[in-house]
Amino acid sequence: MAAYLVPCRARDQNRCSRCGSAGNLEVHHRVRRSQCGSNLPSNLITLCHRCHRWAHDHPYAANREGLLLRHGDDARAISVRHVLWPAAQVWLDDAWGFMLTAPALAPAAA
């Protein structure tokens, strides 16, 4: 079992971050592993199987929700809609937490 499964699900309170379901949970990489997506907490989110399939079947809509990002995107810098925070966008940090304001990130090296 991958080391990130338990803390990711714990952060998301064992619920799908999109619909709130508690069944058939999977950990989703916001930047796909095939596109060099990391296993950092900011790149991982819990989705039920149905929402996970939806994200991959509807990439533009999933991108608007912060669930499916493009190669090279910094997951820490892109907010996500999350069922635990229905009134606001949140950012996922790399300590398995949430931020309610955009993080100040260092500029990328040239």
PDB file of N, CA and C in Angstrom:
ATOM      1  N   MET A   1       0.848  -1.187   0.000  1.00  0.00           N
ATOM      2  CA  MET A   1       0.000   0.000   0.000  1.00  0.00           C
ATOM      3  C   MET A   1       0.888   1.242   0.000  1.00  0.00           C
ATOM      4  N   ALA A   2       0.536   2.187  -0.830  1.00  0.00           N
ATOM      5  CA  ALA A   2       1.315   3.425  -0.922  1.00  0.00           C
ATOM      6  C   ALA A   2       1.206   4.209   0.384  1.00  0.00           C
ATOM      7  N   ALA A   3       2.320   4.813   0.785  1.00  0.00           N
ATOM      8  CA  ALA A   3       2.393   5.532   2.047  1.00  0.00           C
ATOM      9  C   ALA A   3       1.476   6.744   2.114  1.00  0.00           C
ATOM     10  N   TYR A   4       1.066   7.278   0.970  1.00  0.00           N
ATOM     11  CA  TYR A   4       0.254   8.494   0.974  1.00  0.00           C
ATOM     12  C   TYR A   4      -1.246   8.226   1.064  1.00  0.00           C
ATOM     13  N   LEU A   5      -1.692   6.987   0.946  1.00  0.00           N
ATOM     14  CA  LEU A   5      -3.129   6.702   0.941  1.00  0.00           C
ATOM     15  C   LEU A   5      -3.807   7.085   2.251  1.00  0.00           C
ATOM     16  N   VAL A   6      -3.258   6.657   3.367  1.00  0.00           N
ATOM     17  CA  VAL A   6      -3.895   6.894   4.667  1.00  0.00           C
ATOM     18  C   VAL A   6      -3.932   8.379   5.020  1.00  0.00           C
ATOM     19  N   PRO A   7      -2.819   9.127   4.941  1.00  0.00           N
ATOM     20  CA  PRO A   7      -2.910  10.547   5.304  1.00  0.00           C
ATOM     21  C   PRO A   7      -3.788  11.362   4.357  1.00  0.00           C
ATOM     22  N   CYS A   8      -3.835  10.992   3.088  1.00  0.00           N
ATOM     23  CA  CYS A   8      -4.688  11.722   2.148  1.00  0.00           C
ATOM     24  C   CYS A   8      -6.149  11.520   2.512  1.00  0.00           C
ATOM     25  N   ARG A   9      -6.522  10.294   2.751  1.00  0.00           N
ATOM     26  CA  ARG A   9      -7.911  10.017   3.135  1.00  0.00           C
ATOM     27  C   ARG A   9      -8.244  10.637   4.488  1.00  0.00           C
ATOM     28  N   ALA A  10      -7.284  10.648   5.412  1.00  0.00           N
ATOM     29  CA  ALA A  10      -7.527  11.267   6.719  1.00  0.00           C
ATOM     30  C   ALA A  10      -7.758  12.768   6.573  1.00  0.00           C
ATOM     31  N   ARG A  11      -6.931  13.443   5.771  1.00  0.00           N
ATOM     32  CA  ARG A  11      -7.111  14.883   5.553  1.00  0.00           C
ATOM     33  C   ARG A  11      -8.502  15.166   4.998  1.00  0.00           C
ATOM     34  N   ASP A  12      -8.958  14.316   4.086  1.00  0.00           N
ATOM     35  CA  ASP A  12     -10.252  14.510   3.445  1.00  0.00           C
ATOM     36  C   ASP A  12     -11.393  13.855   4.219  1.00  0.00           C
ATOM     37  N   GLN A  13     -11.105  13.429   5.442  1.00  0.00           N
ATOM     38  CA  GLN A  13     -12.071  12.840   6.380  1.00  0.00           C
ATOM     39  C   GLN A  13     -12.804  11.638   5.786  1.00  0.00           C
ATOM     40  N   ASN A  14     -12.049  10.819   5.045  1.00  0.00           N
ATOM     41  CA  ASN A  14     -12.590   9.605   4.432  1.00  0.00           C
ATOM     42  C   ASN A  14     -13.863   9.863   3.640  1.00  0.00           C
ATOM     43  N   ARG A  15     -13.831  10.960   2.902  1.00  0.00           N
ATOM     44  CA  ARG A  15     -14.944  11.353   2.033  1.00  0.00           C
ATOM     45  C   ARG A  15     -14.384  11.759   0.676  1.00  0.00           C
ATOM     46  N   CYS A  16     -15.200  11.597  -0.343  1.00  0.00           N
ATOM     47  CA  CYS A  16     -14.847  12.129  -1.659  1.00  0.00           C
ATOM     48  C   CYS A  16     -14.833  13.645  -1.541  1.00  0.00           C
ATOM     49  N   SER A  17     -13.776  14.258  -1.983  1.00  0.00           N
ATOM     50  CA  SER A  17     -13.658  15.711  -1.847  1.00  0.00           C
ATOM     51  C   SER A  17     -14.605  16.453  -2.785  1.00  0.00           C
ATOM     52  N   ARG A  18     -15.161  15.756  -3.764  1.00  0.00           N
ATOM     53  CA  ARG A  18     -16.065  16.402  -4.720  1.00  0.00           C
ATOM     54  C   ARG A  18     -17.533  16.234  -4.332  1.00  0.00           C
ATOM     55  N   CYS A  19     -17.967  15.004  -4.012  1.00  0.00           N
ATOM     56  CA  CYS A  19     -19.390  14.767  -3.754  1.00  0.00           C
ATOM     57  C   CYS A  19     -19.698  14.421  -2.296  1.00  0.00           C
ATOM     58  N   GLY A  20     -18.682  14.086  -1.517  1.00  0.00           N
ATOM     59  CA  GLY A  20     -18.888  13.765  -0.109  1.00  0.00           C
ATOM     60  C   GLY A  20     -19.165  12.307   0.172  1.00  0.00           C
ATOM     61  N   SER A  21     -19.194  11.473  -0.845  1.00  0.00           N
ATOM     62  CA  SER A  21     -19.455  10.043  -0.666  1.00  0.00           C
ATOM     63  C   SER A  21     -18.359   9.400   0.182  1.00  0.00           C
ATOM     64  N   ALA A  22     -18.744   8.354   0.938  1.00  0.00           N
ATOM     65  CA  ALA A  22     -17.768   7.628   1.753  1.00  0.00           C
ATOM     66  C   ALA A  22     -17.430   6.265   1.146  1.00  0.00           C
ATOM     67  N   GLY A  23     -17.994   5.949  -0.008  1.00  0.00           N
ATOM     68  CA  GLY A  23     -17.769   4.637  -0.604  1.00  0.00           C
ATOM     69  C   GLY A  23     -16.847   4.671  -1.803  1.00  0.00           C
ATOM     70  N   ASN A  24     -16.160   3.552  -2.037  1.00  0.00           N
ATOM     71  CA  ASN A  24     -15.295   3.362  -3.212  1.00  0.00           C
ATOM     72  C   ASN A  24     -14.280   4.485  -3.383  1.00  0.00           C
ATOM     73  N   LEU A  25     -13.565   4.801  -2.320  1.00  0.00           N
ATOM     74  CA  LEU A  25     -12.627   5.923  -2.348  1.00  0.00           C
ATOM     75  C   LEU A  25     -11.310   5.549  -3.005  1.00  0.00           C
ATOM     76  N   GLU A  26     -10.761   6.509  -3.748  1.00  0.00           N
ATOM     77  CA  GLU A  26      -9.476   6.362  -4.425  1.00  0.00           C
ATOM     78  C   GLU A  26      -8.689   7.651  -4.213  1.00  0.00           C
ATOM     79  N   VAL A  27      -7.374   7.560  -4.256  1.00  0.00           N
ATOM     80  CA  VAL A  27      -6.545   8.759  -4.184  1.00  0.00           C
ATOM     81  C   VAL A  27      -6.182   9.159  -5.609  1.00  0.00           C
ATOM     82  N   HIS A  28      -6.457  10.413  -5.923  1.00  0.00           N
ATOM     83  CA  HIS A  28      -6.283  10.949  -7.274  1.00  0.00           C
ATOM     84  C   HIS A  28      -5.102  11.915  -7.307  1.00  0.00           C
ATOM     85  N   HIS A  29      -4.281  11.792  -8.336  1.00  0.00           N
ATOM     86  CA  HIS A  29      -3.186  12.730  -8.579  1.00  0.00           C
ATOM     87  C   HIS A  29      -3.719  13.881  -9.414  1.00  0.00           C
ATOM     88  N   ARG A  30      -3.663  15.095  -8.903  1.00  0.00           N
ATOM     89  CA  ARG A  30      -4.176  16.264  -9.632  1.00  0.00           C
ATOM     90  C   ARG A  30      -3.366  16.504 -10.908  1.00  0.00           C
ATOM     91  N   VAL A  31      -2.050  16.434 -10.825  1.00  0.00           N
ATOM     92  CA  VAL A  31      -1.191  16.370 -12.012  1.00  0.00           C
ATOM     93  C   VAL A  31      -0.891  14.887 -12.180  1.00  0.00           C
ATOM     94  N   ARG A  32      -1.282  14.338 -13.293  1.00  0.00           N
ATOM     95  CA  ARG A  32      -1.152  12.894 -13.508  1.00  0.00           C
ATOM     96  C   ARG A  32       0.282  12.410 -13.325  1.00  0.00           C
ATOM     97  N   ARG A  33       0.406  11.193 -12.813  1.00  0.00           N
ATOM     98  CA  ARG A  33       1.739  10.597 -12.670  1.00  0.00           C
ATOM     99  C   ARG A  33       2.418  10.489 -14.018  1.00  0.00           C
ATOM    100  N   SER A  34       1.665  10.227 -15.070  1.00  0.00           N
ATOM    101  CA  SER A  34       2.240  10.103 -16.409  1.00  0.00           C
ATOM    102  C   SER A  34       2.757  11.446 -16.925  1.00  0.00           C
ATOM    103  N   GLN A  35       2.370  12.534 -16.254  1.00  0.00           N
ATOM    104  CA  GLN A  35       2.836  13.870 -16.619  1.00  0.00           C
ATOM    105  C   GLN A  35       3.750  14.430 -15.534  1.00  0.00           C
ATOM    106  N   CYS A  36       4.471  13.547 -14.881  1.00  0.00           N
ATOM    107  CA  CYS A  36       5.447  13.893 -13.845  1.00  0.00           C
ATOM    108  C   CYS A  36       4.780  14.429 -12.579  1.00  0.00           C
ATOM    109  N   GLY A  37       3.545  14.043 -12.328  1.00  0.00           N
ATOM    110  CA  GLY A  37       2.877  14.435 -11.092  1.00  0.00           C
ATOM    111  C   GLY A  37       3.503  13.732  -9.905  1.00  0.00           C
ATOM    112  N   SER A  38       3.645  14.458  -8.825  1.00  0.00           N
ATOM    113  CA  SER A  38       4.316  13.926  -7.641  1.00  0.00           C
ATOM    114  C   SER A  38       3.330  13.275  -6.676  1.00  0.00           C
ATOM    115  N   ASN A  39       3.878  12.655  -5.643  1.00  0.00           N
ATOM    116  CA  ASN A  39       3.084  12.103  -4.552  1.00  0.00           C
ATOM    117  C   ASN A  39       3.039  13.066  -3.367  1.00  0.00           C
ATOM    118  N   LEU A  40       3.329  14.342  -3.610  1.00  0.00           N
ATOM    119  CA  LEU A  40       3.246  15.338  -2.542  1.00  0.00           C
ATOM    120  C   LEU A  40       1.783  15.563  -2.163  1.00  0.00           C
ATOM    121  N   PRO A  41       1.509  15.860  -0.900  1.00  0.00           N
ATOM    122  CA  PRO A  41       0.131  16.049  -0.448  1.00  0.00           C
ATOM    123  C   PRO A  41      -0.665  17.068  -1.250  1.00  0.00           C
ATOM    124  N   SER A  42      -0.032  18.124  -1.718  1.00  0.00           N
ATOM    125  CA  SER A  42      -0.762  19.142  -2.488  1.00  0.00           C
ATOM    126  C   SER A  42      -1.235  18.612  -3.839  1.00  0.00           C
ATOM    127  N   ASN A  43      -0.662  17.513  -4.307  1.00  0.00           N
ATOM    128  CA  ASN A  43      -1.036  16.943  -5.593  1.00  0.00           C
ATOM    129  C   ASN A  43      -2.024  15.788  -5.454  1.00  0.00           C
ATOM    130  N   LEU A  44      -2.368  15.420  -4.234  1.00  0.00           N
ATOM    131  CA  LEU A  44      -3.226  14.261  -4.002  1.00  0.00           C
ATOM    132  C   LEU A  44      -4.549  14.686  -3.392  1.00  0.00           C
ATOM    133  N   ILE A  45      -5.623  14.035  -3.811  1.00  0.00           N
ATOM    134  CA  ILE A  45      -6.940  14.335  -3.274  1.00  0.00           C
ATOM    135  C   ILE A  45      -7.781  13.060  -3.333  1.00  0.00           C
ATOM    136  N   THR A  46      -8.654  12.893  -2.360  1.00  0.00           N
ATOM    137  CA  THR A  46      -9.508  11.717  -2.296  1.00  0.00           C
ATOM    138  C   THR A  46     -10.756  11.932  -3.144  1.00  0.00           C
ATOM    139  N   LEU A  47     -11.023  10.981  -4.027  1.00  0.00           N
ATOM    140  CA  LEU A  47     -12.237  10.993  -4.843  1.00  0.00           C
ATOM    141  C   LEU A  47     -12.869   9.607  -4.799  1.00  0.00           C
ATOM    142  N   CYS A  48     -14.194   9.547  -4.888  1.00  0.00           N
ATOM    143  CA  CYS A  48     -14.850   8.253  -5.054  1.00  0.00           C
ATOM    144  C   CYS A  48     -14.603   7.799  -6.489  1.00  0.00           C
ATOM    145  N   HIS A  49     -14.861   6.541  -6.757  1.00  0.00           N
ATOM    146  CA  HIS A  49     -14.597   6.019  -8.094  1.00  0.00           C
ATOM    147  C   HIS A  49     -15.363   6.806  -9.157  1.00  0.00           C
ATOM    148  N   ARG A  50     -16.615   7.126  -8.876  1.00  0.00           N
ATOM    149  CA  ARG A  50     -17.432   7.855  -9.856  1.00  0.00           C
ATOM    150  C   ARG A  50     -16.849   9.236 -10.169  1.00  0.00           C
ATOM    151  N   CYS A  51     -16.461  10.000  -9.146  1.00  0.00           N
ATOM    152  CA  CYS A  51     -15.889  11.332  -9.362  1.00  0.00           C
ATOM    153  C   CYS A  51     -14.497  11.243  -9.987  1.00  0.00           C
ATOM    154  N   HIS A  52     -13.751  10.191  -9.655  1.00  0.00           N
ATOM    155  CA  HIS A  52     -12.438   9.993 -10.251  1.00  0.00           C
ATOM    156  C   HIS A  52     -12.584   9.786 -11.763  1.00  0.00           C
ATOM    157  N   ARG A  53     -13.537   8.936 -12.161  1.00  0.00           N
ATOM    158  CA  ARG A  53     -13.786   8.727 -13.587  1.00  0.00           C
ATOM    159  C   ARG A  53     -14.262  10.020 -14.237  1.00  0.00           C
ATOM    160  N   TRP A  54     -15.147  10.754 -13.539  1.00  0.00           N
ATOM    161  CA  TRP A  54     -15.649  12.015 -14.081  1.00  0.00           C
ATOM    162  C   TRP A  54     -14.489  12.965 -14.366  1.00  0.00           C
ATOM    163  N   ALA A  55     -13.545  13.072 -13.430  1.00  0.00           N
ATOM    164  CA  ALA A  55     -12.414  13.990 -13.593  1.00  0.00           C
ATOM    165  C   ALA A  55     -11.617  13.665 -14.858  1.00  0.00           C
ATOM    166  N   HIS A  56     -11.393  12.395 -15.109  1.00  0.00           N
ATOM    167  CA  HIS A  56     -10.624  12.016 -16.296  1.00  0.00           C
ATOM    168  C   HIS A  56     -11.449  12.084 -17.578  1.00  0.00           C
ATOM    169  N   ASP A  57     -12.750  11.896 -17.459  1.00  0.00           N
ATOM    170  CA  ASP A  57     -13.630  11.975 -18.637  1.00  0.00           C
ATOM    171  C   ASP A  57     -13.991  13.413 -19.013  1.00  0.00           C
ATOM    172  N   HIS A  58     -13.870  14.348 -18.072  1.00  0.00           N
ATOM    173  CA  HIS A  58     -14.222  15.760 -18.298  1.00  0.00           C
ATOM    174  C   HIS A  58     -13.065  16.651 -17.852  1.00  0.00           C
ATOM    175  N   PRO A  59     -11.922  16.579 -18.545  1.00  0.00           N
ATOM    176  CA  PRO A  59     -10.717  17.269 -18.071  1.00  0.00           C
ATOM    177  C   PRO A  59     -10.843  18.780 -17.958  1.00  0.00           C
ATOM    178  N   TYR A  60     -11.595  19.428 -18.837  1.00  0.00           N
ATOM    179  CA  TYR A  60     -11.709  20.893 -18.758  1.00  0.00           C
ATOM    180  C   TYR A  60     -12.520  21.311 -17.548  1.00  0.00           C
ATOM    181  N   ALA A  61     -13.620  20.626 -17.289  1.00  0.00           N
ATOM    182  CA  ALA A  61     -14.430  20.920 -16.111  1.00  0.00           C
ATOM    183  C   ALA A  61     -13.657  20.575 -14.839  1.00  0.00           C
ATOM    184  N   ALA A  62     -12.942  19.450 -14.849  1.00  0.00           N
ATOM    185  CA  ALA A  62     -12.151  19.051 -13.684  1.00  0.00           C
ATOM    186  C   ALA A  62     -11.026  20.053 -13.426  1.00  0.00           C
ATOM    187  N   ASN A  63     -10.471  20.622 -14.491  1.00  0.00           N
ATOM    188  CA  ASN A  63      -9.436  21.641 -14.330  1.00  0.00           C
ATOM    189  C   ASN A  63     -10.005  22.880 -13.644  1.00  0.00           C
ATOM    190  N   ARG A  64     -11.220  23.281 -14.022  1.00  0.00           N
ATOM    191  CA  ARG A  64     -11.848  24.451 -13.394  1.00  0.00           C
ATOM    192  C   ARG A  64     -12.098  24.225 -11.906  1.00  0.00           C
ATOM    193  N   GLU A  65     -12.287  22.968 -11.502  1.00  0.00           N
ATOM    194  CA  GLU A  65     -12.492  22.648 -10.085  1.00  0.00           C
ATOM    195  C   GLU A  65     -11.171  22.384  -9.365  1.00  0.00           C
ATOM    196  N   GLY A  66     -10.056  22.430 -10.083  1.00  0.00           N
ATOM    197  CA  GLY A  66      -8.746  22.188  -9.476  1.00  0.00           C
ATOM    198  C   GLY A  66      -8.430  20.725  -9.275  1.00  0.00           C
ATOM    199  N   LEU A  67      -9.195  19.846  -9.913  1.00  0.00           N
ATOM    200  CA  LEU A  67      -9.010  18.411  -9.712  1.00  0.00           C
ATOM    201  C   LEU A  67      -8.063  17.769 -10.708  1.00  0.00           C
ATOM    202  N   LEU A  68      -7.946  18.333 -11.892  1.00  0.00           N
ATOM    203  CA  LEU A  68      -7.071  17.756 -12.911  1.00  0.00           C
ATOM    204  C   LEU A  68      -6.254  18.892 -13.515  1.00  0.00           C
ATOM    205  N   LEU A  69      -4.972  18.876 -13.228  1.00  0.00           N
ATOM    206  CA  LEU A  69      -4.089  19.966 -13.637  1.00  0.00           C
ATOM    207  C   LEU A  69      -3.228  19.524 -14.806  1.00  0.00           C
ATOM    208  N   ARG A  70      -2.553  20.482 -15.399  1.00  0.00           N
ATOM    209  CA  ARG A  70      -1.719  20.219 -16.570  1.00  0.00           C
ATOM    210  C   ARG A  70      -0.267  19.966 -16.160  1.00  0.00           C
ATOM    211  N   HIS A  71       0.449  19.291 -17.024  1.00  0.00           N
ATOM    212  CA  HIS A  71       1.879  19.065 -16.824  1.00  0.00           C
ATOM    213  C   HIS A  71       2.562  20.413 -16.557  1.00  0.00           C
ATOM    214  N   GLY A  72       3.351  20.468 -15.532  1.00  0.00           N
ATOM    215  CA  GLY A  72       4.070  21.695 -15.196  1.00  0.00           C
ATOM    216  C   GLY A  72       3.338  22.587 -14.212  1.00  0.00           C
ATOM    217  N   ASP A  73       2.044  22.369 -13.995  1.00  0.00           N
ATOM    218  CA  ASP A  73       1.314  23.163 -12.992  1.00  0.00           C
ATOM    219  C   ASP A  73       1.828  22.831 -11.597  1.00  0.00           C
ATOM    220  N   ASP A  74       1.882  23.839 -10.751  1.00  0.00           N
ATOM    221  CA  ASP A  74       2.257  23.647  -9.351  1.00  0.00           C
ATOM    222  C   ASP A  74       0.968  23.479  -8.552  1.00  0.00           C
ATOM    223  N   ALA A  75       0.696  22.265  -8.114  1.00  0.00           N
ATOM    224  CA  ALA A  75      -0.556  21.966  -7.411  1.00  0.00           C
ATOM    225  C   ALA A  75      -0.734  22.833  -6.164  1.00  0.00           C
ATOM    226  N   ARG A  76       0.369  23.241  -5.540  1.00  0.00           N
ATOM    227  CA  ARG A  76       0.260  24.091  -4.347  1.00  0.00           C
ATOM    228  C   ARG A  76      -0.349  25.446  -4.671  1.00  0.00           C
ATOM    229  N   ALA A  77      -0.192  25.904  -5.906  1.00  0.00           N
ATOM    230  CA  ALA A  77      -0.622  27.250  -6.290  1.00  0.00           C
ATOM    231  C   ALA A  77      -2.047  27.292  -6.843  1.00  0.00           C
ATOM    232  N   ILE A  78      -2.657  26.135  -7.029  1.00  0.00           N
ATOM    233  CA  ILE A  78      -3.979  26.089  -7.661  1.00  0.00           C
ATOM    234  C   ILE A  78      -5.016  25.600  -6.657  1.00  0.00           C
ATOM    235  N   SER A  79      -6.034  26.407  -6.465  1.00  0.00           N
ATOM    236  CA  SER A  79      -7.070  26.076  -5.491  1.00  0.00           C
ATOM    237  C   SER A  79      -7.946  24.940  -6.001  1.00  0.00           C
ATOM    238  N   VAL A  80      -8.686  24.367  -5.071  1.00  0.00           N
ATOM    239  CA  VAL A  80      -9.566  23.255  -5.377  1.00  0.00           C
ATOM    240  C   VAL A  80     -10.899  23.464  -4.659  1.00  0.00           C
ATOM    241  N   ARG A  81     -11.968  23.047  -5.297  1.00  0.00           N
ATOM    242  CA  ARG A  81     -13.255  23.007  -4.594  1.00  0.00           C
ATOM    243  C   ARG A  81     -13.265  21.732  -3.771  1.00  0.00           C
ATOM    244  N   HIS A  82     -13.655  21.841  -2.531  1.00  0.00           N
ATOM    245  CA  HIS A  82     -13.608  20.689  -1.632  1.00  0.00           C
ATOM    246  C   HIS A  82     -14.881  20.648  -0.824  1.00  0.00           C
ATOM    247  N   VAL A  83     -15.468  19.481  -0.701  1.00  0.00           N
ATOM    248  CA  VAL A  83     -16.733  19.320   0.001  1.00  0.00           C
ATOM    249  C   VAL A  83     -16.655  19.780   1.466  1.00  0.00           C
ATOM    250  N   LEU A  84     -15.484  19.714   2.070  1.00  0.00           N
ATOM    251  CA  LEU A  84     -15.332  20.157   3.463  1.00  0.00           C
ATOM    252  C   LEU A  84     -15.331  21.678   3.590  1.00  0.00           C
ATOM    253  N   TRP A  85     -15.135  22.377   2.490  1.00  0.00           N
ATOM    254  CA  TRP A  85     -15.085  23.843   2.474  1.00  0.00           C
ATOM    255  C   TRP A  85     -16.041  24.353   1.397  1.00  0.00           C
ATOM    256  N   PRO A  86     -17.336  24.191   1.556  1.00  0.00           N
ATOM    257  CA  PRO A  86     -18.278  24.508   0.481  1.00  0.00           C
ATOM    258  C   PRO A  86     -18.399  25.991   0.138  1.00  0.00           C
ATOM    259  N   ALA A  87     -18.025  26.863   1.043  1.00  0.00           N
ATOM    260  CA  ALA A  87     -18.207  28.298   0.796  1.00  0.00           C
ATOM    261  C   ALA A  87     -16.999  28.956   0.133  1.00  0.00           C
ATOM    262  N   ALA A  88     -15.909  28.223  -0.038  1.00  0.00           N
ATOM    263  CA  ALA A  88     -14.696  28.871  -0.549  1.00  0.00           C
ATOM    264  C   ALA A  88     -13.796  27.868  -1.254  1.00  0.00           C
ATOM    265  N   GLN A  89     -12.932  28.394  -2.089  1.00  0.00           N
ATOM    266  CA  GLN A  89     -11.854  27.599  -2.657  1.00  0.00           C
ATOM    267  C   GLN A  89     -10.806  27.412  -1.562  1.00  0.00           C
ATOM    268  N   VAL A  90     -10.093  26.301  -1.598  1.00  0.00           N
ATOM    269  CA  VAL A  90      -9.004  26.066  -0.657  1.00  0.00           C
ATOM    270  C   VAL A  90      -7.786  25.591  -1.435  1.00  0.00           C
ATOM    271  N   TRP A  91      -6.641  25.727  -0.810  1.00  0.00           N
ATOM    272  CA  TRP A  91      -5.390  25.234  -1.363  1.00  0.00           C
ATOM    273  C   TRP A  91      -4.932  24.093  -0.476  1.00  0.00           C
ATOM    274  N   LEU A  92      -4.360  23.060  -1.082  1.00  0.00           N
ATOM    275  CA  LEU A  92      -3.831  21.922  -0.333  1.00  0.00           C
ATOM    276  C   LEU A  92      -2.356  22.180  -0.082  1.00  0.00           C
ATOM    277  N   ASP A  93      -1.933  22.002   1.158  1.00  0.00           N
ATOM    278  CA  ASP A  93      -0.513  22.221   1.442  1.00  0.00           C
ATOM    279  C   ASP A  93       0.217  20.879   1.509  1.00  0.00           C
ATOM    280  N   ASP A  94       1.511  20.931   1.668  1.00  0.00           N
ATOM    281  CA  ASP A  94       2.311  19.708   1.689  1.00  0.00           C
ATOM    282  C   ASP A  94       2.506  19.152   3.093  1.00  0.00           C
ATOM    283  N   ALA A  95       1.665  19.596   4.036  1.00  0.00           N
ATOM    284  CA  ALA A  95       1.665  19.050   5.397  1.00  0.00           C
ATOM    285  C   ALA A  95       0.316  18.395   5.687  1.00  0.00           C
ATOM    286  N   TRP A  96      -0.373  17.971   4.631  1.00  0.00           N
ATOM    287  CA  TRP A  96      -1.685  17.325   4.723  1.00  0.00           C
ATOM    288  C   TRP A  96      -2.736  18.234   5.338  1.00  0.00           C
ATOM    289  N   GLY A  97      -2.682  19.519   5.004  1.00  0.00           N
ATOM    290  CA  GLY A  97      -3.660  20.472   5.516  1.00  0.00           C
ATOM    291  C   GLY A  97      -4.268  21.301   4.410  1.00  0.00           C
ATOM    292  N   PHE A  98      -5.094  22.258   4.837  1.00  0.00           N
ATOM    293  CA  PHE A  98      -5.767  23.186   3.935  1.00  0.00           C
ATOM    294  C   PHE A  98      -5.309  24.599   4.234  1.00  0.00           C
ATOM    295  N   MET A  99      -5.296  25.441   3.207  1.00  0.00           N
ATOM    296  CA  MET A  99      -5.053  26.869   3.380  1.00  0.00           C
ATOM    297  C   MET A  99      -6.240  27.596   2.780  1.00  0.00           C
ATOM    298  N   LEU A 100      -6.681  28.654   3.449  1.00  0.00           N
ATOM    299  CA  LEU A 100      -7.835  29.408   2.973  1.00  0.00           C
ATOM    300  C   LEU A 100      -7.436  30.605   2.126  1.00  0.00           C
ATOM    301  N   THR A 101      -6.148  30.881   2.052  1.00  0.00           N
ATOM    302  CA  THR A 101      -5.640  31.941   1.183  1.00  0.00           C
ATOM    303  C   THR A 101      -4.518  31.364   0.333  1.00  0.00           C
ATOM    304  N   ALA A 102      -4.305  31.958  -0.814  1.00  0.00           N
ATOM    305  CA  ALA A 102      -3.278  31.463  -1.726  1.00  0.00           C
ATOM    306  C   ALA A 102      -1.907  31.550  -1.063  1.00  0.00           C
ATOM    307  N   PRO A 103      -1.108  30.514  -1.192  1.00  0.00           N
ATOM    308  CA  PRO A 103       0.227  30.528  -0.608  1.00  0.00           C
ATOM    309  C   PRO A 103       1.177  31.440  -1.360  1.00  0.00           C
ATOM    310  N   ALA A 104       2.132  32.015  -0.649  1.00  0.00           N
ATOM    311  CA  ALA A 104       3.196  32.803  -1.286  1.00  0.00           C
ATOM    312  C   ALA A 104       4.290  31.820  -1.677  1.00  0.00           C
ATOM    313  N   LEU A 105       4.433  31.590  -2.967  1.00  0.00           N
ATOM    314  CA  LEU A 105       5.402  30.624  -3.455  1.00  0.00           C
ATOM    315  C   LEU A 105       6.595  31.338  -4.057  1.00  0.00           C
ATOM    316  N   ALA A 106       7.752  30.723  -3.911  1.00  0.00           N
ATOM    317  CA  ALA A 106       8.963  31.273  -4.516  1.00  0.00           C
ATOM    318  C   ALA A 106       8.841  31.195  -6.033  1.00  0.00           C
ATOM    319  N   PRO A 107       9.347  32.218  -6.750  1.00  0.00           N
ATOM    320  CA  PRO A 107       9.289  32.164  -8.215  1.00  0.00           C
ATOM    321  C   PRO A 107      10.118  30.997  -8.749  1.00  0.00           C
ATOM    322  N   ALA A 108       9.674  30.463  -9.871  1.00  0.00           N
ATOM    323  CA  ALA A 108      10.376  29.337 -10.494  1.00  0.00           C
ATOM    324  C   ALA A 108      11.737  29.787 -11.008  1.00  0.00           C
ATOM    325  N   ALA A 109      12.696  28.899 -10.910  1.00  0.00           N
ATOM    326  CA  ALA A 109      14.045  29.192 -11.416  1.00  0.00           C
ATOM    327  C   ALA A 109      14.009  29.257 -12.945  1.00  0.00           C
ATOM    328  N   ALA A 110      14.793  30.172 -13.499  1.00  0.00           N
ATOM    329  CA  ALA A 110      14.795  30.348 -14.959  1.00  0.00           C
ATOM    330  C   ALA A 110      15.623  29.300 -15.633  1.00  0.00           C
TER     331      ALA A 110
END
